Amino acid sequence: MVNMKRSQMFVKTLREAPSDEVSKNASLLIRAGFISKQMAGVYAYLPLGKIVLDNIVQIIRDEMNAIGGEEIQMTVLQNPEPWQQSGRWNDNVMDCWFKTELKNGSKIGLAPTHEEPLTASLIPFVNSYKDLPFYPYQFQTKMRNEIRARSGLIRGREFLMKDLYSFSRDEAEHDEFYKKVIQAYERIFDKLGIGDITYKTFASGGSFSKFSHEFQSISPIGEDTVYLAKDKKLAVNTEVCTDEILAELGLSRDELTEEKAVEVANIFTFGSKYSEPLGLYYTDESGARQPIFGGSYGIGPSRIMGFLAEHFADDKGLVWPDNIAPTKVYLINISNDDEIVKFCNSLYDELIERGITVIWDDRDVRPGEKFADADLMGVPHRVIVSEKLISKKQVEYKARTLDIVENLTRETLFAKIN
């Protein structure tokens, strides 16, 4: 386990917001010592921020594995050839490219997504219907040359994406998996604590299907506008909110409310859009050559981290769910009295032995500074050890989201945390 004693940790908190940061989520995360701003839209993850990001990633990974996903790792540097074959190397077709040159003068790109290179990579491996279906996914750094990058982790130029791709024999097989992804995403959002505010949202499907789907989290901080049918747990994107589409979905304008939202995931059917121009075919049971039917399924762990940081914050700082937080417990010794330190050390060790993550703020600073840091960091459970209480074999306990303070024995403390 990583050393989680504040006197030995690489973390520094700030009382004031950084002057060059306009987004609330990034400002809070910088103040709490979770991230470091490198430039507009580009952030580095410090130890506590990396733990939170990894916790989000693991929730997503578990659900991707459960539906048959196989984790891979593609490259950031991109050979132009497959992108030229699909037509998306052209900046007029896809305007978010970062491109650079090798020393020999040839151009390469920095990946904004991975449909083309993954499709091209499968050509030597997929020949027969027996090789399908295949559901690769990855957690990959993406680069997008956003014109506007003023929303912190919610819209960055460099960000972490989970991108899953389905390679199916036909549309029916694809549709079956597509439904499984929707269900997996709904489980993910429940585990992230935003299932009650996140809605499957109908959006344009382009030329290969009538609809694609976004997952929009309703929030006043949102940049998107959706029309919400709350009772039916559905939403409709502005671009497809026509009378014809509403009738097809069994919705009426009277039951819709206009809401601000943050897009936290999306899924697309693209059929043979990439397999045909890149030459990814298979031989079916009758011996006929068929293009592979594809889909893509994105969810942004770093964007979700930014959204959670901002949406659930209060006037004291961050507020993390237990399974997302960098640690479950923030342990504070009220003084450096030998008995208090000895008790804290014993409690710290026992928490770890019980599998409960903990930061022990063992610094020689005022108690008020420790309390403020516990709130700013958003740690769910605060435990305070004082001379008065250890004589009763008790500690002071406070949940991050409640103002109630309780005096608990060790056993009742462990039960409360779990």
Protein backbone atom coordinates (compact mmCIF):
# COMPACT_ATOMS: atom_id res chain seq x y z
CA MET A 1 0.00 0.00 0.00
CA VAL A 2 1.19 3.53 -0.80
CA ASN A 3 2.45 5.47 2.22
CA MET A 4 -0.46 7.68 3.29
CA LYS A 5 1.05 9.73 6.10
CA ARG A 6 0.73 13.42 5.23
CA SER A 7 4.22 14.27 6.46
CA GLN A 8 5.64 11.90 3.82
CA MET A 9 3.16 12.41 0.96
CA PHE A 10 3.68 14.36 -2.24
CA VAL A 11 0.67 16.63 -1.81
CA LYS A 12 0.26 20.34 -1.17
CA THR A 13 -3.08 22.07 -0.77
CA LEU A 14 -3.90 25.69 -1.61
CA ARG A 15 -6.34 27.94 0.21
CA GLU A 16 -6.96 30.15 -2.85
CA ALA A 17 -7.99 29.18 -6.37
CA PRO A 18 -5.25 29.45 -9.03
CA SER A 19 -5.57 32.73 -10.93
CA ASP A 20 -5.14 31.14 -14.38
CA GLU A 21 -7.89 28.52 -14.02
CA VAL A 22 -11.48 29.37 -14.98
CA SER A 23 -13.14 25.96 -14.47
CA LYS A 24 -14.43 25.01 -11.05
CA ASN A 25 -13.49 21.31 -11.31
CA ALA A 26 -9.86 21.95 -12.23
CA SER A 27 -9.58 24.75 -9.67
CA LEU A 28 -10.79 22.46 -6.87
CA LEU A 29 -8.59 19.57 -7.97
CA ILE A 30 -5.53 21.83 -8.15
CA ARG A 31 -6.27 23.34 -4.72
CA ALA A 32 -6.69 19.85 -3.24
CA GLY A 33 -3.36 18.69 -4.69
CA PHE A 34 -4.88 16.16 -7.12
CA ILE A 35 -3.73 17.59 -10.47
CA SER A 36 -1.24 20.05 -11.92
CA LYS A 37 -2.08 22.32 -14.86
CA GLN A 38 0.48 22.08 -17.66
CA MET A 39 -1.30 24.37 -20.13
CA ALA A 40 -4.88 25.13 -21.23
CA GLY A 41 -6.75 21.84 -21.50
CA VAL A 42 -3.77 19.71 -20.36
CA TYR A 43 -3.41 18.38 -16.79
CA ALA A 44 -1.02 16.04 -15.00
CA TYR A 45 -2.34 13.68 -12.31
CA LEU A 46 -0.54 13.85 -8.96
CA PRO A 47 -0.63 10.86 -6.56
CA LEU A 48 -4.10 11.46 -5.08
CA GLY A 49 -5.57 12.36 -8.47
CA LYS A 50 -4.08 9.22 -10.03
CA ILE A 51 -5.74 7.09 -7.34
CA VAL A 52 -9.15 8.65 -8.06
CA LEU A 53 -8.68 8.23 -11.82
CA ASP A 54 -7.61 4.60 -11.34
CA ASN A 55 -10.66 3.93 -9.15
CA ILE A 56 -12.94 5.18 -11.94
CA VAL A 57 -11.01 3.16 -14.52
CA GLN A 58 -11.36 -0.04 -12.48
CA ILE A 59 -15.14 0.32 -12.21
CA ILE A 60 -15.32 0.67 -15.99
CA ARG A 61 -12.80 -2.15 -16.62
CA ASP A 62 -14.79 -4.61 -14.49
CA GLU A 63 -17.95 -3.96 -16.51
CA MET A 64 -16.18 -4.16 -19.87
CA ASN A 65 -14.67 -7.51 -18.92
CA ALA A 66 -18.08 -8.76 -17.75
CA ILE A 67 -19.59 -8.33 -21.24
CA GLY A 68 -16.70 -10.02 -23.05
CA GLY A 69 -14.36 -7.09 -23.65
CA GLU A 70 -10.64 -7.83 -24.08
CA GLU A 71 -8.25 -5.09 -22.99
CA ILE A 72 -5.56 -3.91 -25.41
CA GLN A 73 -3.29 -0.87 -25.77
CA MET A 74 -3.03 0.98 -29.08
CA THR A 75 -0.48 3.68 -29.93
CA VAL A 76 -0.82 7.45 -29.68
CA LEU A 77 1.39 8.06 -32.76
CA GLN A 78 -0.62 7.45 -35.92
CA ASN A 79 0.34 6.24 -39.38
CA PRO A 80 -1.65 8.41 -41.83
CA GLU A 81 -2.36 5.52 -44.24
CA PRO A 82 -5.48 3.95 -42.65
CA TRP A 83 -6.87 7.41 -41.97
CA GLN A 84 -6.33 8.36 -45.61
CA GLN A 85 -8.15 5.20 -46.66
CA SER A 86 -11.20 6.16 -44.57
CA GLY A 87 -11.00 9.83 -45.58
CA ARG A 88 -10.57 11.13 -42.05
CA TRP A 89 -6.95 12.27 -42.39
CA ASN A 90 -8.36 15.36 -44.12
CA ASP A 91 -8.65 18.26 -41.66
CA ASN A 92 -11.86 19.35 -43.37
CA VAL A 93 -13.41 15.99 -42.50
CA MET A 94 -12.04 15.74 -38.95
CA ASP A 95 -10.90 19.10 -37.64
CA CYS A 96 -9.50 18.08 -34.24
CA TRP A 97 -6.16 16.61 -35.41
CA PHE A 98 -2.82 17.26 -33.82
CA LYS A 99 -0.24 16.46 -36.51
CA THR A 100 3.53 16.56 -36.48
CA GLU A 101 6.51 15.55 -38.63
CA LEU A 102 9.23 12.97 -38.29
CA LYS A 103 12.82 14.02 -38.94
CA ASN A 104 12.55 12.61 -42.47
CA GLY A 105 9.73 15.06 -43.19
CA SER A 106 6.86 12.54 -43.24
CA LYS A 107 3.71 13.47 -41.32
CA ILE A 108 2.16 11.52 -38.49
CA GLY A 109 -0.82 12.19 -36.22
CA LEU A 110 -1.61 12.04 -32.52
CA ALA A 111 -4.65 9.80 -32.07
CA PRO A 112 -8.02 11.46 -31.43
CA THR A 113 -9.73 8.02 -31.60
CA HIS A 114 -8.80 4.54 -32.86
CA GLU A 115 -11.36 3.11 -35.31
CA GLU A 116 -9.00 3.15 -38.29
CA PRO A 117 -5.76 1.82 -36.76
CA LEU A 118 -7.58 -0.94 -34.88
CA THR A 119 -9.51 -2.00 -37.99
CA ALA A 120 -6.26 -2.12 -39.97
CA SER A 121 -4.52 -4.08 -37.20
CA LEU A 122 -7.12 -6.86 -37.34
CA ILE A 123 -6.67 -7.68 -41.05
CA PRO A 124 -4.00 -10.39 -40.45
CA PHE A 125 -6.01 -11.96 -37.62
CA VAL A 126 -9.58 -12.12 -38.90
CA ASN A 127 -10.34 -14.40 -41.83
CA SER A 128 -13.29 -16.65 -40.95
CA TYR A 129 -16.64 -16.23 -39.22
CA LYS A 130 -15.05 -18.38 -36.49
CA ASP A 131 -12.76 -15.44 -35.61
CA LEU A 132 -15.74 -13.25 -34.70
CA PRO A 133 -17.13 -11.52 -32.75
CA PHE A 134 -14.25 -9.59 -31.15
CA TYR A 135 -14.66 -6.84 -28.53
CA PRO A 136 -11.35 -5.05 -27.85
CA TYR A 137 -11.17 -2.04 -25.55
CA GLN A 138 -8.51 0.20 -24.09
CA PHE A 139 -7.83 3.07 -21.71
CA GLN A 140 -5.89 5.39 -23.95
CA THR A 141 -4.69 8.98 -23.90
CA LYS A 142 -6.42 10.90 -26.69
CA MET A 143 -5.36 14.18 -28.28
CA ARG A 144 -7.93 16.57 -29.72
CA ASN A 145 -7.20 20.08 -30.91
CA GLU A 146 -10.21 21.69 -29.26
CA ILE A 147 -10.81 25.33 -30.17
CA ARG A 148 -12.09 25.97 -26.66
CA ALA A 149 -10.60 24.22 -23.64
CA ARG A 150 -12.03 26.11 -20.69
CA SER A 151 -13.88 23.37 -18.80
CA GLY A 152 -11.02 21.71 -16.95
CA LEU A 153 -11.11 17.91 -17.11
CA ILE A 154 -14.58 17.97 -18.66
CA ARG A 155 -13.24 19.14 -22.03
CA GLY A 156 -9.48 18.85 -22.45
CA ARG A 157 -7.03 18.71 -25.33
CA GLU A 158 -5.35 15.66 -23.78
CA PHE A 159 -7.58 13.24 -21.89
CA LEU A 160 -8.09 9.61 -20.95
CA MET A 161 -10.73 7.68 -22.90
CA LYS A 162 -12.08 4.17 -22.57
CA ASP A 163 -12.87 3.18 -26.12
CA LEU A 164 -14.47 -0.19 -26.84
CA TYR A 165 -14.97 -1.49 -30.39
CA SER A 166 -17.20 -4.31 -31.57
CA PHE A 167 -16.40 -6.37 -34.66
CA SER A 168 -19.43 -8.53 -35.49
CA ARG A 169 -20.50 -10.85 -38.29
CA ASP A 170 -23.73 -9.02 -38.99
CA GLU A 171 -26.10 -6.35 -37.74
CA ALA A 172 -28.11 -8.74 -35.56
CA GLU A 173 -25.00 -9.85 -33.67
CA HIS A 174 -23.96 -6.21 -33.35
CA ASP A 175 -27.37 -5.15 -32.00
CA GLU A 176 -27.25 -7.82 -29.31
CA PHE A 177 -23.89 -6.57 -28.06
CA TYR A 178 -24.99 -2.92 -28.36
CA LYS A 179 -27.75 -3.62 -25.83
CA LYS A 180 -25.24 -5.25 -23.47
CA VAL A 181 -23.08 -2.12 -23.58
CA ILE A 182 -26.07 0.07 -22.68
CA GLN A 183 -26.75 -2.14 -19.65
CA ALA A 184 -23.06 -2.12 -18.67
CA TYR A 185 -22.93 1.68 -18.88
CA GLU A 186 -26.00 1.97 -16.69
CA ARG A 187 -24.30 -0.23 -14.06
CA ILE A 188 -21.15 1.90 -14.30
CA PHE A 189 -23.05 5.12 -13.66
CA ASP A 190 -24.84 3.55 -10.70
CA LYS A 191 -21.47 2.57 -9.22
CA LEU A 192 -20.13 6.07 -9.84
CA GLY A 193 -23.03 7.57 -7.90
CA ILE A 194 -24.62 9.32 -10.90
CA GLY A 195 -27.07 6.69 -12.10
CA ASP A 196 -30.05 8.72 -10.90
CA ILE A 197 -29.07 11.78 -12.96
CA THR A 198 -27.69 10.04 -16.08
CA TYR A 199 -30.01 9.35 -19.00
CA LYS A 200 -29.73 7.36 -22.20
CA THR A 201 -30.10 10.06 -24.81
CA PHE A 202 -31.14 9.64 -28.43
CA ALA A 203 -28.84 11.40 -30.89
CA SER A 204 -28.22 11.27 -34.63
CA GLY A 205 -26.90 7.95 -35.93
CA GLY A 206 -25.43 9.41 -39.12
CA SER A 207 -25.62 7.35 -42.30
CA PHE A 208 -25.43 3.86 -40.71
CA SER A 209 -28.25 3.86 -38.17
CA LYS A 210 -31.21 6.04 -37.28
CA PHE A 211 -29.88 6.74 -33.81
CA SER A 212 -26.72 6.75 -31.82
CA HIS A 213 -26.89 7.08 -28.06
CA GLU A 214 -25.27 9.45 -25.63
CA PHE A 215 -25.35 9.22 -21.87
CA GLN A 216 -26.05 12.66 -20.48
CA SER A 217 -25.76 13.57 -16.79
CA ILE A 218 -28.19 16.32 -15.86
CA SER A 219 -26.35 19.16 -14.16
CA PRO A 220 -26.36 22.97 -14.08
CA ILE A 221 -22.67 22.86 -15.07
CA GLY A 222 -23.51 21.18 -18.40
CA GLU A 223 -22.61 22.61 -21.83
CA ASP A 224 -25.19 20.47 -23.67
CA THR A 225 -28.97 20.89 -23.85
CA VAL A 226 -31.22 17.83 -23.80
CA TYR A 227 -34.96 17.29 -23.60
CA LEU A 228 -35.74 14.99 -20.73
CA ALA A 229 -38.61 12.53 -20.23
CA LYS A 230 -37.81 11.88 -16.59
CA ASP A 231 -40.50 9.27 -15.88
CA LYS A 232 -39.32 7.17 -18.84
CA LYS A 233 -35.60 7.63 -17.99
CA LEU A 234 -34.95 8.89 -21.53
CA ALA A 235 -33.64 12.07 -23.11
CA VAL A 236 -33.46 13.44 -26.63
CA ASN A 237 -30.59 15.48 -28.03
CA THR A 238 -31.48 18.85 -29.54
CA GLU A 239 -30.36 17.72 -33.00
CA VAL A 240 -33.04 15.00 -33.24
CA CYS A 241 -35.82 16.57 -31.19
CA THR A 242 -38.35 16.77 -34.04
CA ASP A 243 -42.05 15.91 -33.96
CA GLU A 244 -41.39 12.93 -36.22
CA ILE A 245 -38.67 11.48 -33.97
CA LEU A 246 -40.65 12.14 -30.80
CA ALA A 247 -43.63 10.28 -32.27
CA GLU A 248 -41.39 7.33 -33.14
CA LEU A 249 -40.05 7.25 -29.58
CA GLY A 250 -43.54 7.50 -28.09
CA LEU A 251 -42.81 10.89 -26.52
CA SER A 252 -44.75 14.13 -26.53
CA ARG A 253 -43.35 17.63 -26.12
CA ASP A 254 -45.61 18.17 -23.10
CA GLU A 255 -43.70 15.58 -21.06
CA LEU A 256 -40.25 16.94 -21.95
CA THR A 257 -38.25 19.42 -19.91
CA GLU A 258 -35.24 21.30 -21.23
CA GLU A 259 -32.16 20.57 -19.13
CA LYS A 260 -28.44 21.31 -19.07
CA ALA A 261 -26.28 18.20 -19.15
CA VAL A 262 -22.75 16.82 -19.46
CA GLU A 263 -22.15 14.03 -21.98
CA VAL A 264 -20.29 11.29 -20.09
CA ALA A 265 -20.45 8.51 -22.71
CA ASN A 266 -21.58 7.71 -26.24
CA ILE A 267 -22.11 4.66 -28.45
CA PHE A 268 -22.24 4.45 -32.24
CA THR A 269 -23.11 1.93 -34.91
CA PHE A 270 -20.84 2.37 -37.94
CA GLY A 271 -21.52 -0.82 -39.85
CA SER A 272 -18.94 -1.31 -42.62
CA LYS A 273 -17.83 2.34 -42.64
CA TYR A 274 -14.25 1.36 -41.76
CA SER A 275 -14.05 -2.32 -42.68
CA GLU A 276 -14.79 -1.79 -46.39
CA PRO A 277 -12.31 1.00 -47.22
CA LEU A 278 -9.59 -0.63 -45.10
CA GLY A 279 -10.26 -4.15 -46.39
CA LEU A 280 -11.37 -5.96 -43.22
CA TYR A 281 -13.49 -8.89 -44.46
CA TYR A 282 -14.30 -12.40 -43.28
CA THR A 283 -15.56 -15.55 -44.98
CA ASP A 284 -19.02 -16.62 -43.78
CA GLU A 285 -20.40 -20.16 -43.38
CA SER A 286 -21.31 -20.36 -47.09
CA GLY A 287 -17.85 -19.26 -48.20
CA ALA A 288 -18.95 -15.73 -49.18
CA ARG A 289 -16.71 -12.74 -48.40
CA GLN A 290 -18.40 -10.25 -46.05
CA PRO A 291 -17.39 -6.89 -44.54
CA ILE A 292 -17.28 -6.84 -40.75
CA PHE A 293 -20.05 -4.91 -38.99
CA GLY A 294 -18.67 -2.48 -36.39
CA GLY A 295 -19.53 -0.21 -33.50
CA SER A 296 -17.70 2.02 -31.01
CA TYR A 297 -18.44 2.76 -27.38
CA GLY A 298 -16.71 5.61 -25.56
CA ILE A 299 -16.63 6.74 -21.96
CA GLY A 300 -14.21 9.30 -20.53
CA PRO A 301 -12.72 8.47 -17.10
CA SER A 302 -10.95 11.84 -16.85
CA ARG A 303 -14.10 13.70 -17.94
CA ILE A 304 -16.11 11.77 -15.33
CA MET A 305 -13.53 12.69 -12.69
CA GLY A 306 -13.93 16.37 -13.59
CA PHE A 307 -17.71 16.07 -13.60
CA LEU A 308 -17.85 14.35 -10.20
CA ALA A 309 -15.41 16.89 -8.75
CA GLU A 310 -17.51 19.84 -9.84
CA HIS A 311 -21.06 18.54 -9.64
CA PHE A 312 -20.82 17.16 -6.09
CA ALA A 313 -18.58 19.87 -4.59
CA ASP A 314 -19.72 22.15 -1.77
CA ASP A 315 -18.34 25.36 -0.29
CA LYS A 316 -15.67 23.39 1.61
CA GLY A 317 -14.25 21.47 -1.34
CA LEU A 318 -14.55 18.11 -3.10
CA VAL A 319 -17.11 15.43 -2.18
CA TRP A 320 -16.18 11.95 -3.43
CA PRO A 321 -18.27 8.75 -3.23
CA ASP A 322 -16.56 6.09 -1.07
CA ASN A 323 -15.52 3.92 -4.02
CA ILE A 324 -14.03 6.86 -5.97
CA ALA A 325 -12.26 8.75 -3.18
CA PRO A 326 -8.45 8.56 -2.95
CA THR A 327 -8.90 7.11 0.54
CA LYS A 328 -11.88 6.27 2.73
CA VAL A 329 -10.63 7.79 6.00
CA TYR A 330 -8.82 11.00 6.96
CA LEU A 331 -7.23 10.38 10.39
CA ILE A 332 -6.27 13.41 12.48
CA ASN A 333 -4.27 13.58 15.70
CA ILE A 334 -5.32 16.72 17.55
CA SER A 335 -1.86 17.12 19.10
CA ASN A 336 1.55 15.45 19.08
CA ASP A 337 1.19 14.12 22.60
CA ASP A 338 2.93 10.72 22.84
CA GLU A 339 -0.24 8.86 23.86
CA ILE A 340 -2.27 10.37 21.03
CA VAL A 341 0.41 9.57 18.43
CA LYS A 342 0.70 6.02 19.77
CA PHE A 343 -3.09 5.56 19.56
CA CYS A 344 -3.19 7.00 16.03
CA ASN A 345 -0.38 4.74 14.89
CA SER A 346 -2.23 1.70 16.23
CA LEU A 347 -5.53 2.79 14.62
CA TYR A 348 -3.78 3.58 11.31
CA ASP A 349 -2.28 0.08 11.20
CA GLU A 350 -5.59 -1.58 12.06
CA LEU A 351 -7.49 0.33 9.39
CA ILE A 352 -4.97 -0.85 6.81
CA GLU A 353 -5.14 -4.44 8.10
CA ARG A 354 -8.92 -4.33 7.66
CA GLY A 355 -8.51 -3.16 4.06
CA ILE A 356 -9.69 0.38 4.78
CA THR A 357 -7.62 3.04 3.00
CA VAL A 358 -6.53 5.95 5.18
CA ILE A 359 -4.56 9.18 5.14
CA TRP A 360 -3.08 9.99 8.54
CA ASP A 361 -2.48 13.71 8.85
CA ASP A 362 0.49 13.46 11.22
CA ARG A 363 1.84 16.94 10.44
CA ASP A 364 2.73 19.40 13.20
CA VAL A 365 0.15 22.00 12.15
CA ARG A 366 -2.98 23.48 13.70
CA PRO A 367 -6.04 21.15 13.90
CA GLY A 368 -8.08 23.64 11.87
CA GLU A 369 -5.70 23.26 8.92
CA LYS A 370 -6.07 19.49 9.08
CA PHE A 371 -9.88 19.74 9.19
CA ALA A 372 -9.89 22.09 6.21
CA ASP A 373 -7.69 19.75 4.17
CA ALA A 374 -9.89 16.75 4.97
CA ASP A 375 -12.91 18.66 3.62
CA LEU A 376 -11.06 20.11 0.62
CA MET A 377 -9.84 16.66 -0.45
CA GLY A 378 -13.34 15.24 -0.17
CA VAL A 379 -12.39 12.20 1.93
CA PRO A 380 -15.69 10.53 2.96
CA HIS A 381 -14.89 9.77 6.64
CA ARG A 382 -13.01 11.96 9.13
CA VAL A 383 -11.65 10.48 12.38
CA ILE A 384 -10.17 12.66 15.12
CA VAL A 385 -8.09 11.37 18.01
CA SER A 386 -7.90 13.55 21.15
CA GLU A 387 -6.57 13.01 24.65
CA LYS A 388 -10.05 13.41 26.14
CA LEU A 389 -11.56 10.65 24.00
CA ILE A 390 -8.77 8.07 24.04
CA SER A 391 -9.14 7.89 27.82
CA LYS A 392 -12.63 6.54 27.01
CA LYS A 393 -11.23 4.40 24.17
CA GLN A 394 -13.22 6.47 21.67
CA VAL A 395 -12.61 8.65 18.64
CA GLU A 396 -14.56 11.52 17.10
CA TYR A 397 -16.19 10.65 13.77
CA LYS A 398 -17.75 12.86 11.07
CA ALA A 399 -18.99 11.95 7.59
CA ARG A 400 -17.95 14.42 4.86
CA THR A 401 -21.53 15.10 3.79
CA LEU A 402 -23.06 15.46 7.26
CA ASP A 403 -22.61 17.98 10.06
CA ILE A 404 -23.24 15.37 12.77
CA VAL A 405 -20.26 14.50 14.99
CA GLU A 406 -20.27 11.18 16.86
CA ASN A 407 -18.03 9.64 19.49
CA LEU A 408 -17.37 6.00 18.58
CA THR A 409 -15.42 3.03 19.82
CA ARG A 410 -13.06 1.31 17.38
CA GLU A 411 -15.53 -1.45 16.54
CA THR A 412 -18.43 0.93 15.94
CA LEU A 413 -16.09 3.10 13.84
CA PHE A 414 -15.15 0.16 11.58
CA ALA A 415 -18.82 -0.77 11.22
CA LYS A 416 -19.74 2.83 10.37
CA ILE A 417 -17.04 3.12 7.69
CA ASN A 418 -17.99 -0.18 6.05
